[in-house]
Amino acid sequence: MPAYDGVSFAKQGVVLVTINYRLDRLGRFGHPTLTRAQSAEGLANYGLMDQIAALEWVRNNIAAFGGDPQRVTIFGFSAGGVAVNFLLAAPSAKGLFQRAISQSGGVSVESSRRLSEPSGRFTSLEGDGLEFAASFGIEPDEQAPAKLRALSVAQILAYPQKDSSMNPVVDGRIVPDDLGRIFREGRQHPVPYIGGANSWEGSLIQQFNLPLAAVLAGVSPAQAREVYGPLDDDKLKEAYFGDQVFIAPAWTLAADMATVKAPAWLYYYSYVDDDQRGKVPGAAHGAEVSHLFRRPLRQGAALSDHDIEVSAPLRRYWIQFAHTGNPNGEALPAWPAFTRDDPSTMEFSETPTLLPAIFPARMALHQSLIEAALAKAKP
């Protein structure tokens, strides 16, 4: 994709590799007969397996392109940010990268979908696979794997998805446990980590048309407004959803890198491009990507000279991190590592500004919910 052209990174001494990986039902699928047939192989998380295979290729070949296989940084936004977090938790990805950046990697840290049994609000992936197979008249017998593999891509993609999320599932192999528990117990890879999200992530809630009660999920509107203020329902949904899905998980995972004694840094991106200023209330999902690559992500958009000037520190932090494992560098504002005791957060707006903490009351609410869910979900 032109938006991910790596020329601007190459000019800064970075060898950039972008990858393709399977998505939708091709990238995540479960069925009990496949589980039995593939007892010694990876299961279900085929997209994540593609990413691990790509990282193995980088390890084996990047030196021929001028890269250093001992200084590999993985980074991604949205589903790519989610993938970064799960790669940190995947035992089979051990040693394949030395730093990680998750941009808006929205993920449920306290409860992940599972391959073989329901979990929380999630049905099992195998259960969905049985329903999918039955729609094609495929019985769950020993012939099922061959019949499933004989389906065309068009047939597979035409069947509607019950779950719009493409997040990896707990399969016991590639992903051994819930993400939050892996990080809390210190089972993730001990590499330097940057995580964060944008100021208007909540705009994504508009596409789901959910009532307020469904978004708050167990928190009353009155309780939420004690923390968020007297917002109307739509604004409260946006703010709460952005925190719940993006900012609070980034906060939690960054804090829990301490369990493996790896440094972490948290950011909050709020800059609005010149052509969007006054039209939107904040930085939407993925807004920072255009600034990192210096190419507009939105169709028909263009970065102004001012936008490019503002993006310079963000790029320098990311490139410095790729080179050294620490985003701090000469002529950049100091960005201290993030901990629960010192939750300093770098806000990227007109200029990088260090915040002593990001939305303390809001994060306290979400941390209490995450802690309660992790405790309840313990086996």
Protein backbone atom coordinates (compact mmCIF):
# COMPACT_ATOMS: atom_id res chain seq x y z
CA MET A 1 0.00 0.00 0.00
CA PRO A 2 1.31 3.48 -0.82
CA ALA A 3 0.41 4.63 2.72
CA TYR A 4 3.02 2.21 4.10
CA ASP A 5 5.83 3.12 1.70
CA GLY A 6 9.06 2.88 3.70
CA VAL A 7 11.18 5.44 1.84
CA SER A 8 11.06 8.00 4.66
CA PHE A 9 12.25 5.37 7.15
CA ALA A 10 15.00 4.11 4.85
CA LYS A 11 16.38 7.65 4.68
CA GLN A 12 16.82 7.46 8.47
CA GLY A 13 18.80 4.23 8.48
CA VAL A 14 15.85 1.91 9.08
CA VAL A 15 15.29 -1.24 7.02
CA LEU A 16 11.48 -1.43 6.89
CA VAL A 17 9.69 -4.71 6.24
CA THR A 18 5.91 -4.81 5.76
CA ILE A 19 4.09 -8.13 5.62
CA ASN A 20 0.87 -9.69 4.41
CA TYR A 21 -0.99 -12.14 6.62
CA ARG A 22 -4.30 -13.95 6.51
CA LEU A 23 -7.42 -12.23 7.81
CA ASP A 24 -11.09 -12.99 8.40
CA ARG A 25 -11.94 -16.69 8.61
CA LEU A 26 -8.79 -17.53 6.63
CA GLY A 27 -6.72 -16.06 9.44
CA ARG A 28 -8.64 -17.38 12.44
CA PHE A 29 -10.71 -20.56 12.35
CA GLY A 30 -11.42 -23.48 14.63
CA HIS A 31 -13.18 -26.82 14.30
CA PRO A 32 -12.88 -29.81 16.67
CA THR A 33 -11.89 -32.18 13.86
CA LEU A 34 -9.06 -29.84 12.85
CA THR A 35 -7.93 -29.71 16.47
CA ARG A 36 -7.73 -33.50 16.56
CA ALA A 37 -6.08 -33.77 13.13
CA GLN A 38 -3.48 -31.09 13.87
CA SER A 39 -2.59 -32.25 17.37
CA ALA A 40 1.12 -31.52 16.86
CA GLU A 41 0.70 -28.32 14.84
CA GLY A 42 -0.36 -24.74 15.36
CA LEU A 43 -4.09 -24.20 15.49
CA ALA A 44 -6.68 -21.52 14.80
CA ASN A 45 -4.41 -18.45 14.81
CA TYR A 46 -3.26 -18.71 11.22
CA GLY A 47 -2.77 -14.96 10.78
CA LEU A 48 -0.51 -14.84 13.83
CA MET A 49 1.37 -17.88 12.52
CA ASP A 50 1.94 -15.99 9.25
CA GLN A 51 3.46 -13.12 11.22
CA ILE A 52 5.78 -15.45 13.13
CA ALA A 53 6.87 -17.04 9.83
CA ALA A 54 7.61 -13.54 8.48
CA LEU A 55 9.71 -12.75 11.55
CA GLU A 56 11.63 -16.00 11.06
CA TRP A 57 12.33 -14.89 7.47
CA VAL A 58 13.58 -11.54 8.78
CA ARG A 59 15.87 -13.27 11.27
CA ASN A 60 17.33 -15.48 8.55
CA ASN A 61 17.58 -12.96 5.72
CA ILE A 62 17.55 -9.33 6.85
CA ALA A 63 21.34 -9.07 7.08
CA ALA A 64 21.47 -9.42 3.29
CA PHE A 65 19.44 -6.20 3.09
CA GLY A 66 21.65 -4.29 5.51
CA GLY A 67 19.50 -5.01 8.55
CA ASP A 68 20.52 -6.33 11.96
CA PRO A 69 18.65 -9.50 13.04
CA GLN A 70 19.48 -8.62 16.67
CA ARG A 71 17.75 -5.23 16.45
CA VAL A 72 14.31 -6.08 15.09
CA THR A 73 11.43 -3.80 16.11
CA ILE A 74 7.86 -4.92 15.47
CA PHE A 75 5.23 -2.21 15.22
CA GLY A 76 1.67 -1.95 14.02
CA PHE A 77 -1.55 -0.06 14.53
CA SER A 78 -5.10 -1.30 15.11
CA ALA A 79 -5.12 -5.04 14.26
CA GLY A 80 -1.36 -4.71 13.79
CA GLY A 81 -1.07 -3.24 17.28
CA VAL A 82 -3.12 -6.14 18.63
CA ALA A 83 -0.78 -8.54 16.84
CA VAL A 84 2.24 -6.89 18.47
CA ASN A 85 0.73 -7.52 21.91
CA PHE A 86 -0.02 -11.16 21.12
CA LEU A 87 3.43 -11.72 19.60
CA LEU A 88 4.85 -10.56 22.93
CA ALA A 89 2.83 -13.36 24.54
CA ALA A 90 3.53 -16.08 21.96
CA PRO A 91 6.24 -18.56 23.08
CA SER A 92 7.04 -19.43 19.44
CA ALA A 93 7.97 -15.79 18.74
CA LYS A 94 10.73 -15.84 21.37
CA GLY A 95 13.94 -14.22 20.16
CA LEU A 96 12.47 -13.03 16.85
CA PHE A 97 12.32 -9.35 17.86
CA GLN A 98 14.03 -7.06 20.36
CA ARG A 99 11.58 -4.13 20.71
CA ALA A 100 7.83 -3.68 20.23
CA ILE A 101 5.46 -0.78 19.52
CA SER A 102 1.69 -1.24 19.75
CA GLN A 103 -0.31 1.67 18.33
CA SER A 104 -4.02 1.57 19.20
CA GLY A 105 -3.85 -2.18 19.71
CA GLY A 106 -7.37 -2.50 21.09
CA VAL A 107 -7.63 -5.73 23.02
CA SER A 108 -9.47 -7.23 25.98
CA VAL A 109 -6.58 -7.84 28.36
CA GLU A 110 -8.70 -9.57 30.98
CA SER A 111 -10.52 -12.10 28.81
CA SER A 112 -9.68 -13.50 25.38
CA ARG A 113 -11.80 -15.68 23.16
CA ARG A 114 -10.86 -19.35 23.39
CA LEU A 115 -10.58 -22.12 20.86
CA SER A 116 -12.48 -24.92 22.56
CA GLU A 117 -14.70 -23.43 25.28
CA PRO A 118 -16.80 -20.31 25.83
CA SER A 119 -15.17 -17.46 27.76
CA GLY A 120 -17.12 -14.57 29.22
CA ARG A 121 -19.21 -13.00 26.47
CA PHE A 122 -17.42 -15.06 23.79
CA THR A 123 -18.53 -18.35 22.27
CA SER A 124 -15.78 -20.83 21.41
CA LEU A 125 -14.11 -20.58 18.01
CA GLU A 126 -14.72 -24.30 17.48
CA GLY A 127 -18.42 -23.73 18.11
CA ASP A 128 -18.51 -21.13 15.37
CA GLY A 129 -16.56 -23.51 13.14
CA LEU A 130 -19.12 -26.28 13.66
CA GLU A 131 -21.92 -23.89 12.69
CA PHE A 132 -19.96 -22.74 9.64
CA ALA A 133 -19.25 -26.31 8.51
CA ALA A 134 -22.86 -27.38 9.02
CA SER A 135 -24.02 -24.61 6.67
CA PHE A 136 -22.13 -26.48 3.91
CA GLY A 137 -23.46 -29.88 5.00
CA ILE A 138 -20.15 -30.92 6.54
CA GLU A 139 -20.55 -33.33 9.46
CA PRO A 140 -18.01 -33.31 12.34
CA ASP A 141 -16.44 -36.63 11.34
CA GLU A 142 -13.02 -37.72 10.12
CA GLN A 143 -13.75 -36.45 6.59
CA ALA A 144 -14.46 -32.91 7.84
CA PRO A 145 -10.89 -31.51 7.56
CA ALA A 146 -10.59 -32.51 3.89
CA LYS A 147 -14.06 -31.16 3.11
CA LEU A 148 -13.34 -27.86 4.87
CA ARG A 149 -10.07 -27.47 2.95
CA ALA A 150 -11.91 -28.14 -0.32
CA LEU A 151 -14.12 -25.06 0.12
CA SER A 152 -13.25 -22.15 -2.15
CA VAL A 153 -12.06 -18.82 -0.79
CA ALA A 154 -15.26 -17.25 -2.13
CA GLN A 155 -17.39 -19.73 -0.18
CA ILE A 156 -15.41 -19.17 3.00
CA LEU A 157 -15.57 -15.38 2.84
CA ALA A 158 -19.23 -15.24 1.82
CA TYR A 159 -20.38 -16.80 5.09
CA PRO A 160 -21.10 -14.01 7.60
CA GLN A 161 -18.83 -13.51 10.60
CA LYS A 162 -20.55 -13.57 14.00
CA ASP A 163 -17.61 -11.80 15.62
CA SER A 164 -16.18 -8.75 13.84
CA SER A 165 -12.95 -8.99 15.86
CA MET A 166 -9.97 -10.70 14.28
CA ASN A 167 -8.01 -10.82 17.53
CA PRO A 168 -6.11 -14.07 18.14
CA VAL A 169 -7.71 -16.64 20.42
CA VAL A 170 -6.33 -18.68 23.31
CA ASP A 171 -5.42 -21.97 21.64
CA GLY A 172 -3.04 -23.34 24.29
CA ARG A 173 -0.10 -23.33 21.87
CA ILE A 174 0.52 -20.12 19.93
CA VAL A 175 -1.45 -18.16 22.54
CA PRO A 176 -1.29 -20.11 25.81
CA ASP A 177 -3.52 -17.91 28.03
CA ASP A 178 -5.42 -14.64 28.35
CA LEU A 179 -3.18 -11.74 27.39
CA GLY A 180 -3.60 -9.88 30.68
CA ARG A 181 -2.68 -12.93 32.74
CA ILE A 182 0.42 -13.61 30.64
CA PHE A 183 1.64 -10.04 31.19
CA ARG A 184 0.66 -9.98 34.87
CA GLU A 185 2.52 -13.23 35.56
CA GLY A 186 5.64 -12.20 33.64
CA ARG A 187 5.37 -14.72 30.81
CA GLN A 188 5.70 -12.17 27.98
CA HIS A 189 8.96 -11.56 26.13
CA PRO A 190 11.17 -9.10 28.07
CA VAL A 191 11.73 -6.45 25.40
CA PRO A 192 11.37 -2.63 25.50
CA TYR A 193 7.80 -1.61 24.71
CA ILE A 194 5.91 1.47 23.54
CA GLY A 195 2.12 1.49 23.71
CA GLY A 196 -0.57 4.08 23.34
CA ALA A 197 -3.70 5.31 21.63
CA ASN A 198 -5.36 8.37 20.14
CA SER A 199 -7.68 10.98 21.58
CA TRP A 200 -10.74 10.12 19.44
CA GLU A 201 -10.57 6.34 19.31
CA GLY A 202 -14.15 6.34 20.53
CA SER A 203 -15.36 7.45 17.12
CA LEU A 204 -15.25 3.76 16.14
CA ILE A 205 -18.26 3.07 18.36
CA GLN A 206 -20.46 4.92 15.87
CA GLN A 207 -20.40 2.00 13.43
CA PHE A 208 -21.84 -0.46 15.98
CA ASN A 209 -25.02 1.43 16.95
CA LEU A 210 -24.91 0.07 20.50
CA PRO A 211 -27.04 1.38 23.37
CA LEU A 212 -25.23 3.09 26.24
CA ALA A 213 -25.85 0.20 28.65
CA ALA A 214 -24.13 -2.25 26.29
CA VAL A 215 -21.06 -0.03 26.02
CA LEU A 216 -20.80 0.55 29.77
CA ALA A 217 -21.31 -3.19 30.42
CA GLY A 218 -21.88 -3.33 34.16
CA VAL A 219 -21.13 0.29 35.03
CA SER A 220 -24.21 2.45 35.51
CA PRO A 221 -24.53 5.71 33.56
CA ALA A 222 -24.53 7.56 36.88
CA GLN A 223 -21.26 5.89 37.94
CA ALA A 224 -19.68 6.65 34.59
CA ARG A 225 -20.74 10.30 34.70
CA GLU A 226 -19.20 10.68 38.15
CA VAL A 227 -15.87 10.04 36.43
CA TYR A 228 -16.46 11.37 32.91
CA GLY A 229 -18.62 14.35 33.76
CA PRO A 230 -22.09 15.30 32.49
CA LEU A 231 -21.68 14.06 28.91
CA ASP A 232 -24.66 13.19 26.76
CA ASP A 233 -25.10 9.53 25.86
CA ASP A 234 -23.26 9.66 22.53
CA LYS A 235 -20.26 11.55 23.92
CA LEU A 236 -20.13 9.25 26.95
CA LYS A 237 -20.17 6.18 24.71
CA GLU A 238 -17.29 7.55 22.66
CA ALA A 239 -15.14 8.47 25.66
CA TYR A 240 -15.82 5.25 27.56
CA PHE A 241 -15.30 3.01 24.53
CA GLY A 242 -12.02 4.71 23.65
CA ASP A 243 -10.74 4.17 27.19
CA GLN A 244 -12.05 0.64 27.59
CA VAL A 245 -10.82 -0.76 24.28
CA PHE A 246 -7.66 1.27 23.62
CA ILE A 247 -6.25 3.52 26.34
CA ALA A 248 -6.80 1.37 29.44
CA PRO A 249 -5.39 -1.82 27.85
CA ALA A 250 -2.31 0.11 26.66
CA TRP A 251 -1.94 1.50 30.21
CA THR A 252 -2.20 -2.00 31.72
CA LEU A 253 0.18 -3.76 29.36
CA ALA A 254 2.78 -0.99 29.65
CA ALA A 255 2.58 -1.16 33.45
CA ASP A 256 2.90 -4.94 33.46
CA MET A 257 6.12 -4.93 31.43
CA ALA A 258 7.64 -4.36 34.88
CA THR A 259 6.97 -8.04 35.65
CA VAL A 260 9.77 -8.95 33.21
CA LYS A 261 11.90 -5.91 34.12
CA ALA A 262 11.50 -4.46 30.62
CA PRO A 263 11.07 -0.69 30.18
CA ALA A 264 7.85 0.64 28.72
CA TRP A 265 6.67 4.04 27.50
CA LEU A 266 3.08 5.22 27.12
CA TYR A 267 1.86 7.84 24.64
CA TYR A 268 -1.37 9.69 23.88
CA TYR A 269 -1.75 11.11 20.36
CA SER A 270 -4.07 14.11 20.05
CA TYR A 271 -2.81 16.11 17.06
CA VAL A 272 -5.46 16.82 14.41
CA ASP A 273 -4.27 17.38 10.84
CA ASP A 274 -4.73 20.84 9.36
CA ASP A 275 -7.34 19.64 6.85
CA GLN A 276 -9.41 18.08 9.67
CA ARG A 277 -9.07 20.77 12.34
CA GLY A 278 -12.46 22.14 13.34
CA LYS A 279 -14.25 19.23 11.67
CA VAL A 280 -13.50 16.49 14.21
CA PRO A 281 -13.04 16.63 18.01
CA GLY A 282 -9.76 14.74 18.16
CA ALA A 283 -7.25 12.38 16.58
CA ALA A 284 -9.15 9.46 15.09
CA HIS A 285 -8.05 5.83 14.99
CA GLY A 286 -4.87 5.62 12.91
CA ALA A 287 -4.33 9.38 12.64
CA GLU A 288 -0.67 9.06 13.63
CA VAL A 289 0.16 6.57 10.87
CA SER A 290 0.21 9.26 8.17
CA HIS A 291 2.74 11.18 10.23
CA LEU A 292 5.02 8.21 10.78
CA PHE A 293 5.14 7.33 7.09
CA ARG A 294 4.68 10.90 5.84
CA ARG A 295 1.97 9.67 3.52
CA PRO A 296 -1.77 10.34 4.00
CA LEU A 297 -3.78 7.33 5.13
CA ARG A 298 -7.14 8.88 4.25
CA GLN A 299 -8.09 8.83 0.58
CA GLY A 300 -7.92 12.30 -0.94
CA ALA A 301 -6.09 13.75 2.08
CA ALA A 302 -2.79 15.62 2.02
CA LEU A 303 -0.33 16.51 4.75
CA SER A 304 0.46 20.20 5.08
CA ASP A 305 3.97 21.50 5.68
CA HIS A 306 2.83 22.22 9.23
CA ASP A 307 1.61 18.62 9.67
CA ILE A 308 4.99 17.33 8.52
CA GLU A 309 6.81 19.70 10.88
CA VAL A 310 4.68 18.56 13.82
CA SER A 311 5.30 14.89 12.96
CA ALA A 312 9.09 15.18 13.20
CA PRO A 313 9.45 14.43 16.96
CA LEU A 314 7.08 11.43 16.78
CA ARG A 315 9.14 9.92 13.97
CA ARG A 316 12.39 10.65 15.77
CA TYR A 317 11.19 8.91 18.95
CA TRP A 318 10.12 5.83 16.96
CA ILE A 319 13.35 5.69 14.93
CA GLN A 320 15.51 6.22 18.02
CA PHE A 321 13.62 3.39 19.72
CA ALA A 322 14.25 1.10 16.73
CA HIS A 323 17.96 1.90 16.82
CA THR A 324 18.56 1.68 20.58
CA GLY A 325 15.52 0.29 22.40
CA ASN A 326 14.94 3.68 24.07
CA PRO A 327 12.93 6.50 22.43
CA ASN A 328 14.94 9.24 24.12
CA GLY A 329 17.58 11.00 22.08
CA GLU A 330 19.41 14.24 21.51
CA ALA A 331 17.22 17.37 21.25
CA LEU A 332 14.05 15.42 22.13
CA PRO A 333 11.99 16.21 25.24
CA ALA A 334 12.74 13.64 27.95
CA TRP A 335 10.24 10.78 27.95
CA PRO A 336 10.52 8.75 31.18
CA ALA A 337 9.58 5.10 31.29
CA PHE A 338 6.02 4.34 32.42
CA THR A 339 5.27 2.53 35.67
CA ARG A 340 2.30 2.28 38.00
CA ASP A 341 4.16 4.50 40.48
CA ASP A 342 5.14 7.02 37.78
CA PRO A 343 2.51 6.89 35.02
CA SER A 344 4.10 9.67 32.97
CA THR A 345 2.63 9.76 29.47
CA MET A 346 3.86 11.62 26.39
CA GLU A 347 1.14 13.53 24.60
CA PHE A 348 1.78 14.17 20.92
CA SER A 349 -0.03 17.33 19.93
CA GLU A 350 1.47 20.51 18.46
CA THR A 351 4.58 19.67 20.45
CA PRO A 352 5.41 16.63 22.60
CA THR A 353 4.19 17.35 26.14
CA LEU A 354 4.86 15.11 29.12
CA LEU A 355 1.75 14.49 31.23
CA PRO A 356 2.20 13.34 34.84
CA ALA A 357 -0.61 10.87 34.16
CA ILE A 358 -3.36 10.37 31.61
CA PHE A 359 -6.96 10.72 32.84
CA PRO A 360 -6.20 9.45 36.38
CA ALA A 361 -9.81 9.03 37.50
CA ARG A 362 -10.85 7.34 34.26
CA MET A 363 -7.89 4.98 34.32
CA ALA A 364 -8.56 4.16 37.98
CA LEU A 365 -12.10 3.13 37.05
CA HIS A 366 -10.96 0.91 34.19
CA GLN A 367 -8.09 -0.58 36.17
CA SER A 368 -10.52 -1.58 38.91
CA LEU A 369 -12.71 -3.31 36.31
CA ILE A 370 -9.72 -5.07 34.75
CA GLU A 371 -8.43 -6.23 38.15
CA ALA A 372 -11.86 -7.57 39.11
CA ALA A 373 -12.19 -9.42 35.81
CA LEU A 374 -8.70 -10.92 36.05
CA ALA A 375 -9.40 -12.11 39.59
CA LYS A 376 -12.76 -13.59 38.60
CA ALA A 377 -11.32 -15.34 35.56
CA LYS A 378 -8.54 -17.11 37.44
CA PRO A 379 -8.74 -20.89 36.96
